[in-house]
């Protein structure tokens, strides 16, 4: 299990009701997609728990989840602030030219002139398109993740080739 890559997918906001349900802030495109994963790893203050969602529902845009073995409000409230992580192995396969943000983070970014611009530290959603945040020796670069600027994503070698100058 030590080789497992865990990806943060949200956190527990607090308890809901008296029967052990929790409120979840999901950092996924569709909040209820978290229910597709059989096991969650909860992490907080060097404590780790493995839990399984047994039921869930969206109510007014908020995800409410019943976790197996959490049966009252006090147990649910004790989980407040835990980060929800999912094993990368549980993710569904992507289509061609589709990528999970978690896979892009940490990739090296190289331009057509073979200058290493840095590594992807995070992505931003702007509404129009996603943007790579690249940190490196030329400072921070914000590169739109669109075909016009992205030449190639090499998942195996963990590199992204871009049409982007080091002085942009």
N, C-alpha and C. Protein backbone atom coordinates (compact mmCIF):
# COMPACT_ATOMS: atom_id res chain seq x y z
N UNK A 1 0.82 -1.20 0.00
CA UNK A 1 0.00 0.00 0.00
C UNK A 1 0.86 1.26 0.00
N UNK A 2 2.14 1.15 0.34
CA UNK A 2 3.00 2.32 0.41
C UNK A 2 3.26 2.92 -0.97
N UNK A 3 3.09 2.16 -2.05
CA UNK A 3 3.28 2.67 -3.39
C UNK A 3 2.03 3.34 -3.95
N UNK A 4 0.95 3.32 -3.20
CA UNK A 4 -0.31 3.89 -3.66
C UNK A 4 -0.21 5.41 -3.72
N UNK A 5 -0.65 5.97 -4.84
CA UNK A 5 -0.71 7.43 -4.97
C UNK A 5 -2.11 7.86 -4.56
N UNK A 6 -2.18 8.67 -3.52
CA UNK A 6 -3.45 9.16 -3.03
C UNK A 6 -3.66 10.59 -3.53
N UNK A 7 -4.88 10.88 -3.94
CA UNK A 7 -5.22 12.18 -4.51
C UNK A 7 -6.31 12.82 -3.65
N UNK A 8 -6.05 14.03 -3.18
CA UNK A 8 -7.05 14.77 -2.39
C UNK A 8 -8.24 15.12 -3.27
N UNK A 9 -9.44 14.80 -2.78
CA UNK A 9 -10.66 15.02 -3.57
C UNK A 9 -11.68 15.90 -2.84
N UNK A 10 -11.33 16.38 -1.65
CA UNK A 10 -12.25 17.22 -0.89
C UNK A 10 -11.97 17.07 0.59
N UNK A 11 -12.94 17.52 1.39
CA UNK A 11 -12.78 17.40 2.84
C UNK A 11 -14.15 17.31 3.50
N UNK A 12 -14.14 16.87 4.74
CA UNK A 12 -15.39 16.75 5.50
C UNK A 12 -15.64 18.06 6.23
N UNK A 13 -16.80 18.67 5.93
CA UNK A 13 -17.16 19.96 6.50
C UNK A 13 -17.75 19.84 7.90
N UNK A 14 -18.40 18.71 8.17
CA UNK A 14 -19.03 18.56 9.47
C UNK A 14 -20.08 17.47 9.44
N UNK A 15 -20.80 17.38 10.54
CA UNK A 15 -21.85 16.37 10.68
C UNK A 15 -23.15 16.87 10.07
N UNK A 16 -23.97 15.90 9.66
CA UNK A 16 -25.30 16.22 9.14
C UNK A 16 -26.28 15.25 9.80
N UNK A 17 -27.24 15.77 10.52
CA UNK A 17 -28.23 14.91 11.17
C UNK A 17 -27.66 14.18 12.38
N UNK A 18 -28.38 13.16 12.85
CA UNK A 18 -27.98 12.46 14.08
C UNK A 18 -27.57 11.02 13.84
N UNK A 19 -27.59 10.56 12.58
CA UNK A 19 -27.32 9.15 12.29
C UNK A 19 -25.95 8.89 11.67
N UNK A 20 -25.02 9.83 11.83
CA UNK A 20 -23.65 9.59 11.38
C UNK A 20 -23.34 10.07 9.97
N UNK A 21 -24.19 10.86 9.37
CA UNK A 21 -23.92 11.40 8.04
C UNK A 21 -22.96 12.58 8.17
N UNK A 22 -22.17 12.81 7.11
CA UNK A 22 -21.25 13.94 7.08
C UNK A 22 -21.54 14.81 5.86
N UNK A 23 -21.19 16.10 5.97
CA UNK A 23 -21.27 17.03 4.84
C UNK A 23 -19.87 17.08 4.22
N UNK A 24 -19.83 17.00 2.90
CA UNK A 24 -18.56 16.94 2.19
C UNK A 24 -18.42 18.11 1.22
N UNK A 25 -17.25 18.74 1.25
CA UNK A 25 -16.89 19.74 0.24
C UNK A 25 -16.01 19.00 -0.76
N UNK A 26 -16.56 18.71 -1.93
CA UNK A 26 -15.83 17.95 -2.95
C UNK A 26 -15.08 18.90 -3.88
N UNK A 27 -13.87 18.52 -4.24
CA UNK A 27 -13.11 19.32 -5.21
C UNK A 27 -13.05 18.56 -6.54
N UNK A 28 -14.20 18.02 -6.92
CA UNK A 28 -14.35 17.30 -8.18
C UNK A 28 -15.35 18.06 -9.04
N UNK A 29 -15.37 17.76 -10.32
CA UNK A 29 -16.29 18.46 -11.21
C UNK A 29 -17.74 18.23 -10.78
N UNK A 30 -18.07 16.99 -10.45
CA UNK A 30 -19.40 16.64 -9.95
C UNK A 30 -19.23 16.09 -8.55
N UNK A 31 -19.79 16.77 -7.56
CA UNK A 31 -19.59 16.40 -6.16
C UNK A 31 -19.96 14.95 -5.89
N UNK A 32 -21.06 14.47 -6.46
CA UNK A 32 -21.50 13.11 -6.16
C UNK A 32 -20.64 12.04 -6.82
N UNK A 33 -19.69 12.44 -7.67
CA UNK A 33 -18.79 11.43 -8.26
C UNK A 33 -17.88 10.81 -7.20
N UNK A 34 -17.73 11.46 -6.06
CA UNK A 34 -16.97 10.87 -4.96
C UNK A 34 -17.58 9.55 -4.49
N UNK A 35 -18.88 9.41 -4.70
CA UNK A 35 -19.57 8.18 -4.28
C UNK A 35 -19.20 6.99 -5.16
N UNK A 36 -18.54 7.24 -6.29
CA UNK A 36 -18.13 6.16 -7.19
C UNK A 36 -16.92 5.39 -6.65
N UNK A 37 -16.25 5.93 -5.64
CA UNK A 37 -15.04 5.30 -5.11
C UNK A 37 -15.38 4.47 -3.88
N UNK A 38 -14.94 3.21 -3.90
CA UNK A 38 -15.28 2.26 -2.85
C UNK A 38 -14.63 2.62 -1.51
N UNK A 39 -13.42 3.13 -1.55
CA UNK A 39 -12.70 3.45 -0.31
C UNK A 39 -12.17 4.86 -0.36
N UNK A 40 -12.27 5.53 0.77
CA UNK A 40 -11.67 6.85 0.93
C UNK A 40 -10.64 6.74 2.03
N UNK A 41 -9.56 7.49 1.87
CA UNK A 41 -8.60 7.62 2.97
C UNK A 41 -8.82 9.02 3.54
N UNK A 42 -9.07 9.08 4.84
CA UNK A 42 -9.24 10.35 5.52
C UNK A 42 -7.94 10.68 6.26
N UNK A 43 -7.46 11.92 6.09
CA UNK A 43 -6.18 12.32 6.67
C UNK A 43 -6.32 13.65 7.38
N UNK A 44 -5.80 13.70 8.61
CA UNK A 44 -5.77 14.95 9.37
C UNK A 44 -4.78 14.80 10.52
N UNK A 45 -3.90 15.75 10.67
CA UNK A 45 -2.96 15.77 11.80
C UNK A 45 -2.23 14.44 11.98
N UNK A 46 -1.68 13.91 10.90
CA UNK A 46 -0.93 12.64 10.92
C UNK A 46 -1.78 11.44 11.31
N UNK A 47 -3.09 11.58 11.29
CA UNK A 47 -4.00 10.45 11.52
C UNK A 47 -4.59 10.05 10.18
N UNK A 48 -4.70 8.75 9.97
CA UNK A 48 -5.25 8.24 8.71
C UNK A 48 -6.30 7.19 9.01
N UNK A 49 -7.44 7.30 8.34
CA UNK A 49 -8.53 6.33 8.46
C UNK A 49 -8.94 5.89 7.06
N UNK A 50 -9.27 4.63 6.90
CA UNK A 50 -9.86 4.15 5.64
C UNK A 50 -11.35 3.93 5.90
N UNK A 51 -12.18 4.57 5.10
CA UNK A 51 -13.63 4.47 5.26
C UNK A 51 -14.27 4.16 3.92
N UNK A 52 -15.52 3.73 3.97
CA UNK A 52 -16.27 3.45 2.75
C UNK A 52 -17.61 4.17 2.80
N UNK A 53 -17.94 4.92 1.76
CA UNK A 53 -19.27 5.53 1.72
C UNK A 53 -20.31 4.46 1.44
N UNK A 54 -21.39 4.45 2.23
CA UNK A 54 -22.44 3.47 2.00
C UNK A 54 -23.66 4.08 1.32
N UNK A 55 -23.89 5.36 1.57
CA UNK A 55 -25.01 6.08 0.94
C UNK A 55 -24.57 7.52 0.73
N UNK A 56 -25.25 8.20 -0.17
CA UNK A 56 -24.96 9.60 -0.38
C UNK A 56 -26.04 10.28 -1.17
N UNK A 57 -26.08 11.59 -1.05
CA UNK A 57 -27.08 12.37 -1.77
C UNK A 57 -26.59 13.81 -1.92
N UNK A 58 -27.04 14.43 -2.99
CA UNK A 58 -26.81 15.86 -3.16
C UNK A 58 -28.06 16.58 -2.67
N UNK A 59 -27.87 17.56 -1.81
CA UNK A 59 -29.00 18.34 -1.32
C UNK A 59 -28.60 19.81 -1.39
N UNK A 60 -29.31 20.57 -2.24
CA UNK A 60 -28.99 21.99 -2.47
C UNK A 60 -27.51 22.18 -2.82
N UNK A 61 -26.98 21.30 -3.65
CA UNK A 61 -25.61 21.41 -4.11
C UNK A 61 -24.56 20.89 -3.14
N UNK A 62 -24.99 20.41 -1.99
CA UNK A 62 -24.05 19.91 -0.98
C UNK A 62 -24.11 18.38 -0.94
N UNK A 63 -22.95 17.75 -0.90
CA UNK A 63 -22.88 16.30 -0.83
C UNK A 63 -22.98 15.87 0.63
N UNK A 64 -23.93 14.98 0.89
CA UNK A 64 -24.11 14.40 2.22
C UNK A 64 -23.88 12.91 2.10
N UNK A 65 -23.04 12.36 3.00
CA UNK A 65 -22.59 10.98 2.87
C UNK A 65 -22.70 10.24 4.20
N UNK A 66 -23.16 9.01 4.11
CA UNK A 66 -23.16 8.09 5.25
C UNK A 66 -21.98 7.15 5.05
N UNK A 67 -21.08 7.13 6.03
CA UNK A 67 -19.90 6.27 5.98
C UNK A 67 -20.15 5.00 6.79
N UNK A 68 -19.75 3.87 6.26
CA UNK A 68 -19.92 2.60 6.97
C UNK A 68 -19.21 2.67 8.32
N UNK A 69 -19.93 2.31 9.39
CA UNK A 69 -19.35 2.27 10.72
C UNK A 69 -19.42 3.57 11.49
N UNK A 70 -19.86 4.63 10.86
CA UNK A 70 -20.05 5.92 11.55
C UNK A 70 -21.55 6.05 11.76
N UNK A 71 -21.98 5.89 13.02
CA UNK A 71 -23.41 5.72 13.26
C UNK A 71 -24.09 6.79 14.11
N UNK A 72 -23.33 7.79 14.58
CA UNK A 72 -24.00 8.86 15.31
C UNK A 72 -23.33 10.20 15.04
N UNK A 73 -23.99 11.25 15.48
CA UNK A 73 -23.52 12.61 15.19
C UNK A 73 -22.12 12.87 15.76
N UNK A 74 -21.84 12.36 16.96
CA UNK A 74 -20.54 12.61 17.57
C UNK A 74 -19.40 12.00 16.74
N UNK A 75 -19.61 10.77 16.25
CA UNK A 75 -18.58 10.13 15.40
C UNK A 75 -18.40 10.92 14.11
N UNK A 76 -19.51 11.37 13.54
CA UNK A 76 -19.45 12.14 12.30
C UNK A 76 -18.75 13.48 12.54
N UNK A 77 -19.09 14.14 13.63
CA UNK A 77 -18.49 15.44 13.94
C UNK A 77 -16.97 15.32 14.16
N UNK A 78 -16.53 14.21 14.71
CA UNK A 78 -15.10 13.99 14.95
C UNK A 78 -14.31 13.93 13.64
N UNK A 79 -14.98 13.72 12.51
CA UNK A 79 -14.30 13.65 11.22
C UNK A 79 -14.17 15.01 10.54
N UNK A 80 -14.71 16.04 11.18
CA UNK A 80 -14.67 17.39 10.60
C UNK A 80 -13.22 17.80 10.35
N UNK A 81 -12.96 18.31 9.13
CA UNK A 81 -11.63 18.78 8.77
C UNK A 81 -10.73 17.74 8.15
N UNK A 82 -11.17 16.49 8.12
CA UNK A 82 -10.36 15.45 7.48
C UNK A 82 -10.38 15.65 5.96
N UNK A 83 -9.22 15.52 5.34
CA UNK A 83 -9.12 15.55 3.88
C UNK A 83 -9.51 14.18 3.34
N UNK A 84 -10.30 14.18 2.29
CA UNK A 84 -10.72 12.93 1.64
C UNK A 84 -9.76 12.67 0.49
N UNK A 85 -9.11 11.51 0.52
CA UNK A 85 -8.21 11.11 -0.55
C UNK A 85 -8.70 9.81 -1.16
N UNK A 86 -8.44 9.67 -2.45
CA UNK A 86 -8.84 8.47 -3.18
C UNK A 86 -7.60 7.93 -3.88
N UNK A 87 -7.47 6.63 -3.91
CA UNK A 87 -6.35 6.01 -4.62
C UNK A 87 -6.44 6.31 -6.10
N UNK A 88 -5.34 6.74 -6.68
CA UNK A 88 -5.30 7.04 -8.12
C UNK A 88 -5.67 5.81 -8.94
N UNK A 89 -5.41 4.61 -8.40
CA UNK A 89 -5.75 3.36 -9.09
C UNK A 89 -7.25 3.20 -9.31
N UNK A 90 -8.07 3.90 -8.51
CA UNK A 90 -9.52 3.78 -8.63
C UNK A 90 -10.11 4.69 -9.72
N UNK A 91 -9.32 5.61 -10.26
CA UNK A 91 -9.83 6.54 -11.26
C UNK A 91 -10.22 5.79 -12.53
N UNK A 92 -11.25 6.25 -13.18
CA UNK A 92 -11.66 5.69 -14.47
C UNK A 92 -10.63 6.06 -15.54
N UNK A 93 -10.52 5.24 -16.56
CA UNK A 93 -9.63 5.53 -17.66
C UNK A 93 -10.09 6.80 -18.36
N UNK A 94 -9.13 7.53 -18.92
CA UNK A 94 -9.46 8.76 -19.64
C UNK A 94 -9.51 8.49 -21.14
N UNK A 95 -10.16 9.36 -21.84
CA UNK A 95 -10.19 9.31 -23.30
C UNK A 95 -8.87 9.87 -23.82
N UNK A 96 -8.63 9.72 -25.12
CA UNK A 96 -7.43 10.29 -25.71
C UNK A 96 -7.44 11.81 -25.53
N UNK A 97 -6.31 12.36 -25.18
CA UNK A 97 -6.13 13.79 -24.94
C UNK A 97 -6.95 14.31 -23.76
N UNK A 98 -7.30 13.42 -22.84
CA UNK A 98 -7.94 13.80 -21.58
C UNK A 98 -6.99 13.43 -20.46
N UNK A 99 -6.91 14.30 -19.44
CA UNK A 99 -5.98 14.06 -18.34
C UNK A 99 -6.62 14.47 -17.03
N UNK A 100 -6.28 13.75 -16.00
CA UNK A 100 -6.66 14.17 -14.66
C UNK A 100 -5.67 15.21 -14.19
N UNK A 101 -6.15 16.23 -13.50
CA UNK A 101 -5.26 17.25 -12.98
C UNK A 101 -4.17 16.62 -12.12
N UNK A 102 -4.54 15.64 -11.33
CA UNK A 102 -3.58 15.00 -10.43
C UNK A 102 -2.40 14.39 -11.20
N UNK A 103 -2.64 13.98 -12.44
CA UNK A 103 -1.56 13.41 -13.25
C UNK A 103 -0.66 14.49 -13.84
N UNK A 104 -1.19 15.67 -14.07
CA UNK A 104 -0.41 16.75 -14.66
C UNK A 104 0.49 17.46 -13.65
N UNK A 105 0.04 17.49 -12.40
CA UNK A 105 0.82 18.17 -11.35
C UNK A 105 2.15 17.44 -11.16
N UNK A 106 3.22 18.24 -11.19
CA UNK A 106 4.56 17.69 -11.03
C UNK A 106 5.27 17.41 -12.34
N UNK A 107 4.54 17.48 -13.47
CA UNK A 107 5.18 17.24 -14.76
C UNK A 107 6.10 18.41 -15.11
N UNK A 108 7.20 18.10 -15.79
CA UNK A 108 8.12 19.13 -16.30
C UNK A 108 7.51 19.75 -17.55
N UNK A 109 7.69 21.06 -17.70
CA UNK A 109 7.17 21.77 -18.86
C UNK A 109 8.37 22.31 -19.64
N UNK A 110 8.41 21.94 -20.92
CA UNK A 110 9.51 22.30 -21.81
C UNK A 110 8.91 22.99 -23.03
N UNK A 111 9.57 24.07 -23.48
CA UNK A 111 9.04 24.75 -24.66
C UNK A 111 9.71 24.22 -25.93
N UNK A 112 9.29 24.75 -27.07
CA UNK A 112 9.82 24.29 -28.36
C UNK A 112 11.32 24.57 -28.52
N UNK A 113 11.83 25.52 -27.76
CA UNK A 113 13.25 25.84 -27.81
C UNK A 113 14.06 24.94 -26.85
N UNK A 114 13.36 23.97 -26.26
CA UNK A 114 13.93 23.01 -25.32
C UNK A 114 14.40 23.65 -24.02
N UNK A 115 13.79 24.79 -23.67
CA UNK A 115 14.05 25.42 -22.38
C UNK A 115 13.09 24.80 -21.37
N UNK A 116 13.61 24.43 -20.21
CA UNK A 116 12.76 23.88 -19.15
C UNK A 116 12.13 25.06 -18.42
N UNK A 117 10.83 25.20 -18.56
CA UNK A 117 10.13 26.32 -17.93
C UNK A 117 9.85 26.06 -16.45
N UNK A 118 9.82 24.79 -16.07
CA UNK A 118 9.56 24.45 -14.67
C UNK A 118 8.67 23.24 -14.56
N UNK A 119 8.00 23.15 -13.42
CA UNK A 119 7.08 22.04 -13.16
C UNK A 119 5.69 22.58 -12.89
N UNK A 120 4.69 21.79 -13.25
CA UNK A 120 3.30 22.17 -12.97
C UNK A 120 3.07 22.05 -11.47
N UNK A 121 2.76 23.18 -10.83
CA UNK A 121 2.51 23.16 -9.38
C UNK A 121 1.03 23.00 -9.07
N UNK A 122 0.19 23.49 -9.98
CA UNK A 122 -1.26 23.33 -9.82
C UNK A 122 -1.93 23.72 -11.11
N UNK A 123 -3.23 23.56 -11.16
CA UNK A 123 -4.03 24.02 -12.29
C UNK A 123 -5.12 24.93 -11.77
N UNK A 124 -5.57 25.82 -12.64
CA UNK A 124 -6.67 26.72 -12.30
C UNK A 124 -7.77 26.54 -13.34
N UNK A 125 -8.97 26.63 -12.86
CA UNK A 125 -10.13 26.61 -13.77
C UNK A 125 -10.59 28.05 -13.94
N UNK A 126 -10.66 28.51 -15.19
CA UNK A 126 -11.01 29.91 -15.43
C UNK A 126 -12.42 30.08 -15.99
N UNK A 127 -13.06 28.99 -16.30
CA UNK A 127 -14.37 29.06 -16.95
C UNK A 127 -14.23 28.81 -18.44
N UNK A 128 -13.29 29.49 -19.07
CA UNK A 128 -13.07 29.29 -20.51
C UNK A 128 -12.24 28.03 -20.75
N UNK A 129 -11.21 27.81 -19.92
CA UNK A 129 -10.34 26.66 -20.07
C UNK A 129 -9.48 26.53 -18.80
N UNK A 130 -8.82 25.40 -18.67
CA UNK A 130 -7.92 25.21 -17.54
C UNK A 130 -6.58 25.87 -17.85
N UNK A 131 -5.86 26.24 -16.79
CA UNK A 131 -4.58 26.92 -16.93
C UNK A 131 -3.55 26.18 -16.08
N UNK A 132 -2.40 25.85 -16.70
CA UNK A 132 -1.28 25.25 -15.97
C UNK A 132 -0.55 26.36 -15.22
N UNK A 133 -0.27 26.14 -13.94
CA UNK A 133 0.57 27.05 -13.17
C UNK A 133 1.93 26.37 -13.09
N UNK A 134 2.92 26.98 -13.74
CA UNK A 134 4.25 26.39 -13.87
C UNK A 134 5.24 27.24 -13.09
N UNK A 135 5.95 26.62 -12.16
CA UNK A 135 6.96 27.32 -11.38
C UNK A 135 8.34 26.83 -11.78
N UNK A 136 9.25 27.78 -12.06
CA UNK A 136 10.59 27.41 -12.46
C UNK A 136 11.54 28.58 -12.44
N UNK A 137 12.69 28.40 -13.07
CA UNK A 137 13.75 29.41 -13.04
C UNK A 137 13.36 30.72 -13.71
N UNK A 138 12.36 30.70 -14.58
CA UNK A 138 11.91 31.92 -15.25
C UNK A 138 10.73 32.56 -14.53
N UNK A 139 10.46 32.12 -13.32
CA UNK A 139 9.33 32.62 -12.55
C UNK A 139 8.09 31.77 -12.80
N UNK A 140 6.98 32.26 -12.34
CA UNK A 140 5.73 31.52 -12.51
C UNK A 140 5.10 31.86 -13.85
N UNK A 141 4.71 30.81 -14.57
CA UNK A 141 4.06 30.96 -15.87
C UNK A 141 2.64 30.43 -15.76
N UNK A 142 1.70 31.12 -16.37
CA UNK A 142 0.31 30.68 -16.46
C UNK A 142 0.07 30.33 -17.92
N UNK A 143 -0.03 29.05 -18.22
CA UNK A 143 -0.13 28.59 -19.60
C UNK A 143 -1.50 27.95 -19.83
N UNK A 144 -2.31 28.52 -20.72
CA UNK A 144 -3.62 27.91 -21.01
C UNK A 144 -3.45 26.47 -21.50
N UNK A 145 -4.23 25.58 -20.93
CA UNK A 145 -4.16 24.17 -21.31
C UNK A 145 -5.11 23.93 -22.48
N UNK A 146 -4.72 24.48 -23.63
CA UNK A 146 -5.50 24.36 -24.86
C UNK A 146 -4.55 23.96 -25.99
N UNK A 147 -5.10 23.36 -27.04
CA UNK A 147 -4.30 22.83 -28.14
C UNK A 147 -3.40 23.89 -28.79
N UNK A 148 -3.79 25.14 -28.76
CA UNK A 148 -3.00 26.21 -29.36
C UNK A 148 -1.62 26.31 -28.71
N UNK A 149 -1.52 26.01 -27.40
CA UNK A 149 -0.25 26.17 -26.68
C UNK A 149 0.36 24.85 -26.22
N UNK A 150 -0.43 23.79 -26.14
CA UNK A 150 0.07 22.49 -25.67
C UNK A 150 0.37 21.63 -26.89
N UNK A 151 1.65 21.35 -27.10
CA UNK A 151 2.05 20.51 -28.24
C UNK A 151 1.90 19.03 -27.92
N UNK A 152 2.33 18.65 -26.71
CA UNK A 152 2.34 17.22 -26.40
C UNK A 152 2.35 17.02 -24.89
N UNK A 153 1.58 16.04 -24.44
CA UNK A 153 1.64 15.60 -23.04
C UNK A 153 2.15 14.18 -23.07
N UNK A 154 3.32 13.97 -22.48
CA UNK A 154 3.96 12.66 -22.43
C UNK A 154 3.84 12.14 -21.00
N UNK A 155 2.77 11.38 -20.77
CA UNK A 155 2.50 10.88 -19.41
C UNK A 155 3.62 9.97 -18.93
N UNK A 156 4.11 9.13 -19.81
CA UNK A 156 5.14 8.16 -19.44
C UNK A 156 6.43 8.85 -18.96
N UNK A 157 6.85 9.90 -19.67
CA UNK A 157 8.07 10.62 -19.31
C UNK A 157 7.82 11.85 -18.44
N UNK A 158 6.52 12.08 -18.11
CA UNK A 158 6.11 13.17 -17.22
C UNK A 158 6.57 14.54 -17.71
N UNK A 159 6.37 14.77 -19.03
CA UNK A 159 6.71 16.07 -19.60
C UNK A 159 5.56 16.62 -20.45
N UNK A 160 5.50 17.93 -20.49
CA UNK A 160 4.54 18.63 -21.34
C UNK A 160 5.35 19.57 -22.21
N UNK A 161 5.19 19.45 -23.52
CA UNK A 161 5.87 20.35 -24.46
C UNK A 161 4.87 21.42 -24.87
N UNK A 162 5.34 22.69 -24.80
CA UNK A 162 4.44 23.82 -25.04
C UNK A 162 5.02 24.81 -26.04
N UNK A 163 4.14 25.55 -26.67
CA UNK A 163 4.53 26.67 -27.52
C UNK A 163 4.41 27.90 -26.65
N UNK A 164 5.45 28.17 -25.85
CA UNK A 164 5.42 29.23 -24.87
C UNK A 164 6.85 29.69 -24.59
N UNK A 165 7.11 30.95 -24.73
CA UNK A 165 8.46 31.46 -24.52
C UNK A 165 8.82 31.60 -23.05
N UNK A 166 10.10 31.55 -22.78
CA UNK A 166 10.55 31.70 -21.39
C UNK A 166 10.38 33.14 -20.92
N UNK A 167 10.22 34.07 -21.86
CA UNK A 167 10.06 35.48 -21.49
C UNK A 167 8.61 35.94 -21.51
N UNK A 168 7.66 35.06 -21.68
CA UNK A 168 6.24 35.44 -21.68
C UNK A 168 5.79 35.66 -20.26
